[in-house]
Amino acid sequence: MPVVTIVFNNSAFGNVRRDQQQRYDSRLIGSDLENPDFVRLAESFGVDGYRVTSPQQLKPVLEKATALGKPVLIEVMQERGSEISPWKYLLENSP
């Protein structure tokens, strides 16, 4: 089955971490992670894996992955804390 999976890796449950910082006076509980090497993990199951470290790298890797016609994992490395809140896009009058 030619499924392309994209993992956005910021070494945290980013939305949970951000909410804990904003709503609970920066008391962080269980939101920081030590992740596996997702590319090597995918490869151990016979799935092609690619890692990108910038937005500019994503498009060509995604195009390559979709052209392969088989399962592929793309790990997008992100700086912890770089995510933005989805709530302002989902709910009116949200922070």
PDB file of N, CA and C in Angstrom:
ATOM      1  N   MET A   1       0.853  -1.166   0.000  1.00  0.00           N
ATOM      2  CA  MET A   1       0.000   0.000   0.000  1.00  0.00           C
ATOM      3  C   MET A   1       0.908   1.241   0.000  1.00  0.00           C
ATOM      4  N   PRO A   2       0.811   2.081  -0.991  1.00  0.00           N
ATOM      5  CA  PRO A   2       1.713   3.242  -1.127  1.00  0.00           C
ATOM      6  C   PRO A   2       1.313   4.435  -0.249  1.00  0.00           C
ATOM      7  N   VAL A   3       1.484   4.271   1.044  1.00  0.00           N
ATOM      8  CA  VAL A   3       1.146   5.331   1.998  1.00  0.00           C
ATOM      9  C   VAL A   3       2.414   6.095   2.370  1.00  0.00           C
ATOM     10  N   VAL A   4       2.344   7.413   2.303  1.00  0.00           N
ATOM     11  CA  VAL A   4       3.456   8.258   2.742  1.00  0.00           C
ATOM     12  C   VAL A   4       3.070   8.838   4.103  1.00  0.00           C
ATOM     13  N   THR A   5       3.876   8.534   5.108  1.00  0.00           N
ATOM     14  CA  THR A   5       3.644   9.020   6.464  1.00  0.00           C
ATOM     15  C   THR A   5       4.660  10.112   6.772  1.00  0.00           C
ATOM     16  N   ILE A   6       4.175  11.234   7.292  1.00  0.00           N
ATOM     17  CA  ILE A   6       5.064  12.332   7.668  1.00  0.00           C
ATOM     18  C   ILE A   6       5.010  12.488   9.184  1.00  0.00           C
ATOM     19  N   VAL A   7       6.176  12.390   9.819  1.00  0.00           N
ATOM     20  CA  VAL A   7       6.301  12.573  11.262  1.00  0.00           C
ATOM     21  C   VAL A   7       6.979  13.916  11.504  1.00  0.00           C
ATOM     22  N   PHE A   8       6.284  14.822  12.178  1.00  0.00           N
ATOM     23  CA  PHE A   8       6.876  16.103  12.556  1.00  0.00           C
ATOM     24  C   PHE A   8       7.487  15.912  13.946  1.00  0.00           C
ATOM     25  N   ASN A   9       8.805  15.822  14.000  1.00  0.00           N
ATOM     26  CA  ASN A   9       9.511  15.455  15.221  1.00  0.00           C
ATOM     27  C   ASN A   9      10.094  16.689  15.910  1.00  0.00           C
ATOM     28  N   ASN A  10       9.454  17.076  17.010  1.00  0.00           N
ATOM     29  CA  ASN A  10       9.980  18.176  17.820  1.00  0.00           C
ATOM     30  C   ASN A  10      10.379  17.687  19.211  1.00  0.00           C
ATOM     31  N   SER A  11      10.551  16.373  19.332  1.00  0.00           N
ATOM     32  CA  SER A  11      10.965  15.743  20.595  1.00  0.00           C
ATOM     33  C   SER A  11      10.047  16.091  21.759  1.00  0.00           C
ATOM     34  N   ALA A  12       8.770  16.274  21.449  1.00  0.00           N
ATOM     35  CA  ALA A  12       7.804  16.601  22.495  1.00  0.00           C
ATOM     36  C   ALA A  12       6.395  16.362  21.974  1.00  0.00           C
ATOM     37  N   PHE A  13       5.463  16.265  22.910  1.00  0.00           N
ATOM     38  CA  PHE A  13       4.066  16.426  22.546  1.00  0.00           C
ATOM     39  C   PHE A  13       3.875  17.937  22.510  1.00  0.00           C
ATOM     40  N   GLY A  14       4.173  18.541  21.373  1.00  0.00           N
ATOM     41  CA  GLY A  14       4.314  19.984  21.264  1.00  0.00           C
ATOM     42  C   GLY A  14       3.113  20.788  21.705  1.00  0.00           C
ATOM     43  N   ASN A  15       1.917  20.363  21.295  1.00  0.00           N
ATOM     44  CA  ASN A  15       0.729  21.120  21.680  1.00  0.00           C
ATOM     45  C   ASN A  15       0.479  21.013  23.178  1.00  0.00           C
ATOM     46  N   VAL A  16       0.717  19.832  23.732  1.00  0.00           N
ATOM     47  CA  VAL A  16       0.554  19.644  25.176  1.00  0.00           C
ATOM     48  C   VAL A  16       1.567  20.505  25.926  1.00  0.00           C
ATOM     49  N   ARG A  17       2.808  20.488  25.471  1.00  0.00           N
ATOM     50  CA  ARG A  17       3.875  21.270  26.117  1.00  0.00           C
ATOM     51  C   ARG A  17       3.547  22.771  26.084  1.00  0.00           C
ATOM     52  N   ARG A  18       3.117  23.258  24.928  1.00  0.00           N
ATOM     53  CA  ARG A  18       2.777  24.677  24.797  1.00  0.00           C
ATOM     54  C   ARG A  18       1.627  25.046  25.734  1.00  0.00           C
ATOM     55  N   ASP A  19       0.587  24.192  25.780  1.00  0.00           N
ATOM     56  CA  ASP A  19      -0.542  24.477  26.664  1.00  0.00           C
ATOM     57  C   ASP A  19      -0.113  24.472  28.129  1.00  0.00           C
ATOM     58  N   GLN A  20       0.776  23.549  28.509  1.00  0.00           N
ATOM     59  CA  GLN A  20       1.259  23.527  29.890  1.00  0.00           C
ATOM     60  C   GLN A  20       2.031  24.803  30.211  1.00  0.00           C
ATOM     61  N   GLN A  21       2.815  25.288  29.273  1.00  0.00           N
ATOM     62  CA  GLN A  21       3.560  26.525  29.498  1.00  0.00           C
ATOM     63  C   GLN A  21       2.618  27.713  29.638  1.00  0.00           C
ATOM     64  N   GLN A  22       1.619  27.778  28.765  1.00  0.00           N
ATOM     65  CA  GLN A  22       0.737  28.938  28.737  1.00  0.00           C
ATOM     66  C   GLN A  22      -0.317  28.911  29.836  1.00  0.00           C
ATOM     67  N   ARG A  23      -0.828  27.756  30.154  1.00  0.00           N
ATOM     68  CA  ARG A  23      -1.971  27.681  31.062  1.00  0.00           C
ATOM     69  C   ARG A  23      -1.627  27.223  32.476  1.00  0.00           C
ATOM     70  N   TYR A  24      -0.462  26.614  32.647  1.00  0.00           N
ATOM     71  CA  TYR A  24      -0.110  26.044  33.951  1.00  0.00           C
ATOM     72  C   TYR A  24       1.234  26.552  34.450  1.00  0.00           C
ATOM     73  N   ASP A  25       1.520  27.812  34.171  1.00  0.00           N
ATOM     74  CA  ASP A  25       2.710  28.483  34.698  1.00  0.00           C
ATOM     75  C   ASP A  25       3.993  27.701  34.402  1.00  0.00           C
ATOM     76  N   SER A  26       4.069  27.160  33.185  1.00  0.00           N
ATOM     77  CA  SER A  26       5.248  26.425  32.695  1.00  0.00           C
ATOM     78  C   SER A  26       5.563  25.151  33.477  1.00  0.00           C
ATOM     79  N   ARG A  27       4.575  24.596  34.187  1.00  0.00           N
ATOM     80  CA  ARG A  27       4.788  23.298  34.850  1.00  0.00           C
ATOM     81  C   ARG A  27       4.634  22.213  33.787  1.00  0.00           C
ATOM     82  N   LEU A  28       5.750  21.597  33.430  1.00  0.00           N
ATOM     83  CA  LEU A  28       5.762  20.601  32.361  1.00  0.00           C
ATOM     84  C   LEU A  28       5.746  19.200  32.949  1.00  0.00           C
ATOM     85  N   ILE A  29       4.767  18.414  32.528  1.00  0.00           N
ATOM     86  CA  ILE A  29       4.644  17.041  33.007  1.00  0.00           C
ATOM     87  C   ILE A  29       4.403  16.127  31.810  1.00  0.00           C
ATOM     88  N   GLY A  30       5.369  15.265  31.529  1.00  0.00           N
ATOM     89  CA  GLY A  30       5.195  14.227  30.514  1.00  0.00           C
ATOM     90  C   GLY A  30       5.065  14.715  29.092  1.00  0.00           C
ATOM     91  N   SER A  31       5.550  15.909  28.795  1.00  0.00           N
ATOM     92  CA  SER A  31       5.392  16.421  27.430  1.00  0.00           C
ATOM     93  C   SER A  31       6.680  16.385  26.614  1.00  0.00           C
ATOM     94  N   ASP A  32       7.833  16.242  27.263  1.00  0.00           N
ATOM     95  CA  ASP A  32       9.101  16.133  26.531  1.00  0.00           C
ATOM     96  C   ASP A  32       9.399  14.659  26.270  1.00  0.00           C
ATOM     97  N   LEU A  33       9.886  14.356  25.085  1.00  0.00           N
ATOM     98  CA  LEU A  33      10.093  12.972  24.668  1.00  0.00           C
ATOM     99  C   LEU A  33      11.526  12.707  24.251  1.00  0.00           C
ATOM    100  N   GLU A  34      11.937  11.465  24.381  1.00  0.00           N
ATOM    101  CA  GLU A  34      13.161  10.963  23.771  1.00  0.00           C
ATOM    102  C   GLU A  34      12.697  10.017  22.671  1.00  0.00           C
ATOM    103  N   ASN A  35      12.642  10.504  21.456  1.00  0.00           N
ATOM    104  CA  ASN A  35      12.102   9.730  20.348  1.00  0.00           C
ATOM    105  C   ASN A  35      13.130   8.774  19.768  1.00  0.00           C
ATOM    106  N   PRO A  36      12.639   7.708  19.142  1.00  0.00           N
ATOM    107  CA  PRO A  36      13.553   6.840  18.406  1.00  0.00           C
ATOM    108  C   PRO A  36      13.988   7.530  17.118  1.00  0.00           C
ATOM    109  N   ASP A  37      14.920   6.926  16.441  1.00  0.00           N
ATOM    110  CA  ASP A  37      15.295   7.369  15.099  1.00  0.00           C
ATOM    111  C   ASP A  37      14.211   6.819  14.171  1.00  0.00           C
ATOM    112  N   PHE A  38      13.246   7.652  13.807  1.00  0.00           N
ATOM    113  CA  PHE A  38      12.096   7.193  13.037  1.00  0.00           C
ATOM    114  C   PHE A  38      12.483   6.650  11.664  1.00  0.00           C
ATOM    115  N   VAL A  39      13.506   7.210  11.046  1.00  0.00           N
ATOM    116  CA  VAL A  39      13.951   6.726   9.733  1.00  0.00           C
ATOM    117  C   VAL A  39      14.475   5.298   9.866  1.00  0.00           C
ATOM    118  N   ARG A  40      15.326   5.069  10.837  1.00  0.00           N
ATOM    119  CA  ARG A  40      15.870   3.713  11.033  1.00  0.00           C
ATOM    120  C   ARG A  40      14.783   2.741  11.469  1.00  0.00           C
ATOM    121  N   LEU A  41      13.837   3.214  12.263  1.00  0.00           N
ATOM    122  CA  LEU A  41      12.724   2.365  12.675  1.00  0.00           C
ATOM    123  C   LEU A  41      11.904   1.938  11.460  1.00  0.00           C
ATOM    124  N   ALA A  42      11.601   2.884  10.578  1.00  0.00           N
ATOM    125  CA  ALA A  42      10.863   2.557   9.352  1.00  0.00           C
ATOM    126  C   ALA A  42      11.639   1.555   8.513  1.00  0.00           C
ATOM    127  N   GLU A  43      12.928   1.805   8.356  1.00  0.00           N
ATOM    128  CA  GLU A  43      13.764   0.919   7.542  1.00  0.00           C
ATOM    129  C   GLU A  43      13.827  -0.488   8.129  1.00  0.00           C
ATOM    130  N   SER A  44      13.736  -0.609   9.452  1.00  0.00           N
ATOM    131  CA  SER A  44      13.760  -1.936  10.075  1.00  0.00           C
ATOM    132  C   SER A  44      12.522  -2.752   9.721  1.00  0.00           C
ATOM    133  N   PHE A  45      11.459  -2.072   9.258  1.00  0.00           N
ATOM    134  CA  PHE A  45      10.243  -2.738   8.810  1.00  0.00           C
ATOM    135  C   PHE A  45      10.158  -2.805   7.288  1.00  0.00           C
ATOM    136  N   GLY A  46      11.256  -2.474   6.605  1.00  0.00           N
ATOM    137  CA  GLY A  46      11.279  -2.540   5.151  1.00  0.00           C
ATOM    138  C   GLY A  46      10.649  -1.346   4.460  1.00  0.00           C
ATOM    139  N   VAL A  47      10.469  -0.261   5.186  1.00  0.00           N
ATOM    140  CA  VAL A  47       9.869   0.959   4.639  1.00  0.00           C
ATOM    141  C   VAL A  47      10.984   1.964   4.371  1.00  0.00           C
ATOM    142  N   ASP A  48      10.954   2.611   3.214  1.00  0.00           N
ATOM    143  CA  ASP A  48      11.935   3.656   2.920  1.00  0.00           C
ATOM    144  C   ASP A  48      11.714   4.827   3.874  1.00  0.00           C
ATOM    145  N   GLY A  49      12.803   5.382   4.384  1.00  0.00           N
ATOM    146  CA  GLY A  49      12.700   6.506   5.296  1.00  0.00           C
ATOM    147  C   GLY A  49      13.609   7.641   4.877  1.00  0.00           C
ATOM    148  N   TYR A  50      13.117   8.867   5.042  1.00  0.00           N
ATOM    149  CA  TYR A  50      13.874  10.071   4.703  1.00  0.00           C
ATOM    150  C   TYR A  50      13.730  11.065   5.844  1.00  0.00           C
ATOM    151  N   ARG A  51      14.776  11.850   6.066  1.00  0.00           N
ATOM    152  CA  ARG A  51      14.744  12.889   7.100  1.00  0.00           C
ATOM    153  C   ARG A  51      15.006  14.233   6.434  1.00  0.00           C
ATOM    154  N   VAL A  52      14.186  15.226   6.755  1.00  0.00           N
ATOM    155  CA  VAL A  52      14.414  16.578   6.251  1.00  0.00           C
ATOM    156  C   VAL A  52      14.585  17.511   7.444  1.00  0.00           C
ATOM    157  N   THR A  53      15.392  18.544   7.237  1.00  0.00           N
ATOM    158  CA  THR A  53      15.685  19.473   8.329  1.00  0.00           C
ATOM    159  C   THR A  53      15.290  20.909   8.010  1.00  0.00           C
ATOM    160  N   SER A  54      14.671  21.112   6.843  1.00  0.00           N
ATOM    161  CA  SER A  54      14.227  22.463   6.485  1.00  0.00           C
ATOM    162  C   SER A  54      12.974  22.365   5.620  1.00  0.00           C
ATOM    163  N   PRO A  55      12.160  23.407   5.619  1.00  0.00           N
ATOM    164  CA  PRO A  55      10.973  23.402   4.769  1.00  0.00           C
ATOM    165  C   PRO A  55      11.309  23.228   3.286  1.00  0.00           C
ATOM    166  N   GLN A  56      12.435  23.763   2.864  1.00  0.00           N
ATOM    167  CA  GLN A  56      12.822  23.684   1.458  1.00  0.00           C
ATOM    168  C   GLN A  56      13.114  22.247   1.028  1.00  0.00           C
ATOM    169  N   GLN A  57      13.509  21.408   1.943  1.00  0.00           N
ATOM    170  CA  GLN A  57      13.808  20.015   1.617  1.00  0.00           C
ATOM    171  C   GLN A  57      12.551  19.157   1.495  1.00  0.00           C
ATOM    172  N   LEU A  58      11.460  19.572   2.111  1.00  0.00           N
ATOM    173  CA  LEU A  58      10.276  18.720   2.181  1.00  0.00           C
ATOM    174  C   LEU A  58       9.654  18.455   0.818  1.00  0.00           C
ATOM    175  N   LYS A  59       9.452  19.479   0.009  1.00  0.00           N
ATOM    176  CA  LYS A  59       8.750  19.290  -1.264  1.00  0.00           C
ATOM    177  C   LYS A  59       9.437  18.261  -2.167  1.00  0.00           C
ATOM    178  N   PRO A  60      10.741  18.359  -2.442  1.00  0.00           N
ATOM    179  CA  PRO A  60      11.351  17.359  -3.319  1.00  0.00           C
ATOM    180  C   PRO A  60      11.328  15.948  -2.729  1.00  0.00           C
ATOM    181  N   VAL A  61      11.476  15.831  -1.426  1.00  0.00           N
ATOM    182  CA  VAL A  61      11.429  14.506  -0.806  1.00  0.00           C
ATOM    183  C   VAL A  61      10.014  13.943  -0.872  1.00  0.00           C
ATOM    184  N   LEU A  62       9.015  14.782  -0.656  1.00  0.00           N
ATOM    185  CA  LEU A  62       7.625  14.343  -0.751  1.00  0.00           C
ATOM    186  C   LEU A  62       7.283  13.920  -2.177  1.00  0.00           C
ATOM    187  N   GLU A  63       7.752  14.672  -3.155  1.00  0.00           N
ATOM    188  CA  GLU A  63       7.525  14.292  -4.556  1.00  0.00           C
ATOM    189  C   GLU A  63       8.174  12.949  -4.868  1.00  0.00           C
ATOM    190  N   LYS A  64       9.387  12.744  -4.397  1.00  0.00           N
ATOM    191  CA  LYS A  64      10.077  11.468  -4.606  1.00  0.00           C
ATOM    192  C   LYS A  64       9.312  10.333  -3.932  1.00  0.00           C
ATOM    193  N   ALA A  65       8.882  10.575  -2.699  1.00  0.00           N
ATOM    194  CA  ALA A  65       8.179   9.545  -1.935  1.00  0.00           C
ATOM    195  C   ALA A  65       6.881   9.127  -2.613  1.00  0.00           C
ATOM    196  N   THR A  66       6.119  10.082  -3.110  1.00  0.00           N
ATOM    197  CA  THR A  66       4.847   9.738  -3.753  1.00  0.00           C
ATOM    198  C   THR A  66       5.064   9.036  -5.082  1.00  0.00           C
ATOM    199  N   ALA A  67       6.185   9.296  -5.734  1.00  0.00           N
ATOM    200  CA  ALA A  67       6.476   8.650  -7.016  1.00  0.00           C
ATOM    201  C   ALA A  67       6.936   7.205  -6.846  1.00  0.00           C
ATOM    202  N   LEU A  68       7.386   6.827  -5.664  1.00  0.00           N
ATOM    203  CA  LEU A  68       7.908   5.479  -5.455  1.00  0.00           C
ATOM    204  C   LEU A  68       6.828   4.400  -5.504  1.00  0.00           C
ATOM    205  N   GLY A  69       5.605   4.761  -5.137  1.00  0.00           N
ATOM    206  CA  GLY A  69       4.518   3.788  -5.190  1.00  0.00           C
ATOM    207  C   GLY A  69       4.610   2.698  -4.137  1.00  0.00           C
ATOM    208  N   LYS A  70       5.223   3.015  -3.005  1.00  0.00           N
ATOM    209  CA  LYS A  70       5.331   2.059  -1.901  1.00  0.00           C
ATOM    210  C   LYS A  70       5.343   2.842  -0.594  1.00  0.00           C
ATOM    211  N   PRO A  71       5.244   2.154   0.547  1.00  0.00           N
ATOM    212  CA  PRO A  71       5.239   2.877   1.822  1.00  0.00           C
ATOM    213  C   PRO A  71       6.541   3.647   2.046  1.00  0.00           C
ATOM    214  N   VAL A  72       6.393   4.876   2.519  1.00  0.00           N
ATOM    215  CA  VAL A  72       7.539   5.744   2.793  1.00  0.00           C
ATOM    216  C   VAL A  72       7.237   6.535   4.063  1.00  0.00           C
ATOM    217  N   LEU A  73       8.261   6.747   4.867  1.00  0.00           N
ATOM    218  CA  LEU A  73       8.157   7.618   6.030  1.00  0.00           C
ATOM    219  C   LEU A  73       9.089   8.804   5.821  1.00  0.00           C
ATOM    220  N   ILE A  74       8.585  10.001   6.097  1.00  0.00           N
ATOM    221  CA  ILE A  74       9.397  11.215   6.058  1.00  0.00           C
ATOM    222  C   ILE A  74       9.373  11.816   7.460  1.00  0.00           C
ATOM    223  N   GLU A  75      10.558  11.967   8.043  1.00  0.00           N
ATOM    224  CA  GLU A  75      10.676  12.595   9.352  1.00  0.00           C
ATOM    225  C   GLU A  75      11.098  14.048   9.151  1.00  0.00           C
ATOM    226  N   VAL A  76      10.275  14.961   9.618  1.00  0.00           N
ATOM    227  CA  VAL A  76      10.561  16.391   9.512  1.00  0.00           C
ATOM    228  C   VAL A  76      11.037  16.862  10.886  1.00  0.00           C
ATOM    229  N   MET A  77      12.310  17.214  10.961  1.00  0.00           N
ATOM    230  CA  MET A  77      12.881  17.656  12.230  1.00  0.00           C
ATOM    231  C   MET A  77      12.451  19.102  12.499  1.00  0.00           C
ATOM    232  N   GLN A  78      12.002  19.347  13.724  1.00  0.00           N
ATOM    233  CA  GLN A  78      11.567  20.681  14.124  1.00  0.00           C
ATOM    234  C   GLN A  78      12.185  21.040  15.469  1.00  0.00           C
ATOM    235  N   GLU A  79      12.405  22.305  15.662  1.00  0.00           N
ATOM    236  CA  GLU A  79      12.902  22.783  16.948  1.00  0.00           C
ATOM    237  C   GLU A  79      11.775  22.703  17.969  1.00  0.00           C
ATOM    238  N   ARG A  80      12.084  22.201  19.143  1.00  0.00           N
ATOM    239  CA  ARG A  80      11.080  22.125  20.201  1.00  0.00           C
ATOM    240  C   ARG A  80      10.571  23.527  20.505  1.00  0.00           C
ATOM    241  N   GLY A  81       9.258  23.674  20.560  1.00  0.00           N
ATOM    242  CA  GLY A  81       8.653  24.970  20.839  1.00  0.00           C
ATOM    243  C   GLY A  81       8.349  25.786  19.595  1.00  0.00           C
ATOM    244  N   SER A  82       8.624  25.234  18.423  1.00  0.00           N
ATOM    245  CA  SER A  82       8.418  26.001  17.191  1.00  0.00           C
ATOM    246  C   SER A  82       7.001  25.901  16.646  1.00  0.00           C
ATOM    247  N   GLU A  83       6.215  24.976  17.174  1.00  0.00           N
ATOM    248  CA  GLU A  83       4.857  24.813  16.660  1.00  0.00           C
ATOM    249  C   GLU A  83       3.982  25.990  17.085  1.00  0.00           C
ATOM    250  N   ILE A  84       2.937  26.203  16.325  1.00  0.00           N
ATOM    251  CA  ILE A  84       1.991  27.269  16.652  1.00  0.00           C
ATOM    252  C   ILE A  84       0.672  26.637  17.077  1.00  0.00           C
ATOM    253  N   SER A  85      -0.086  27.370  17.825  1.00  0.00           N
ATOM    254  CA  SER A  85      -1.362  26.864  18.308  1.00  0.00           C
ATOM    255  C   SER A  85      -2.364  26.757  17.164  1.00  0.00           C
ATOM    256  N   PRO A  86      -3.049  25.616  17.066  1.00  0.00           N
ATOM    257  CA  PRO A  86      -4.071  25.487  16.030  1.00  0.00           C
ATOM    258  C   PRO A  86      -5.384  26.158  16.411  1.00  0.00           C
ATOM    259  N   TRP A  87      -5.533  26.513  17.699  1.00  0.00           N
ATOM    260  CA  TRP A  87      -6.832  26.974  18.182  1.00  0.00           C
ATOM    261  C   TRP A  87      -7.289  28.269  17.536  1.00  0.00           C
ATOM    262  N   LYS A  88      -6.359  29.154  17.205  1.00  0.00           N
ATOM    263  CA  LYS A  88      -6.793  30.409  16.584  1.00  0.00           C
ATOM    264  C   LYS A  88      -7.377  30.162  15.200  1.00  0.00           C
ATOM    265  N   TYR A  89      -7.046  29.028  14.602  1.00  0.00           N
ATOM    266  CA  TYR A  89      -7.597  28.686  13.291  1.00  0.00           C
ATOM    267  C   TYR A  89      -8.883  27.876  13.415  1.00  0.00           C
ATOM    268  N   LEU A  90      -9.066  27.224  14.561  1.00  0.00           N
ATOM    269  CA  LEU A  90     -10.215  26.346  14.747  1.00  0.00           C
ATOM    270  C   LEU A  90     -11.368  26.992  15.501  1.00  0.00           C
ATOM    271  N   LEU A  91     -11.046  27.838  16.464  1.00  0.00           N
ATOM    272  CA  LEU A  91     -12.074  28.438  17.302  1.00  0.00           C
ATOM    273  C   LEU A  91     -11.971  29.953  17.281  1.00  0.00           C
ATOM    274  N   GLU A  92     -13.095  30.590  17.202  1.00  0.00           N
ATOM    275  CA  GLU A  92     -13.119  32.047  17.240  1.00  0.00           C
ATOM    276  C   GLU A  92     -12.747  32.537  18.641  1.00  0.00           C
ATOM    277  N   ASN A  93     -12.063  33.659  18.735  1.00  0.00           N
ATOM    278  CA  ASN A  93     -11.675  34.290  20.004  1.00  0.00           C
ATOM    279  C   ASN A  93     -10.735  33.438  20.859  1.00  0.00           C
ATOM    280  N   SER A  94      -9.934  32.599  20.249  1.00  0.00           N
ATOM    281  CA  SER A  94      -8.949  31.809  20.993  1.00  0.00           C
ATOM    282  C   SER A  94      -7.605  32.517  20.969  1.00  0.00           C
ATOM    283  N   PRO A  95      -6.762  32.268  21.997  1.00  0.00           N
ATOM    284  CA  PRO A  95      -5.432  32.918  22.037  1.00  0.00           C
ATOM    285  C   PRO A  95      -4.512  32.419  20.939  1.00  0.00           C
TER     286      PRO A  95
END
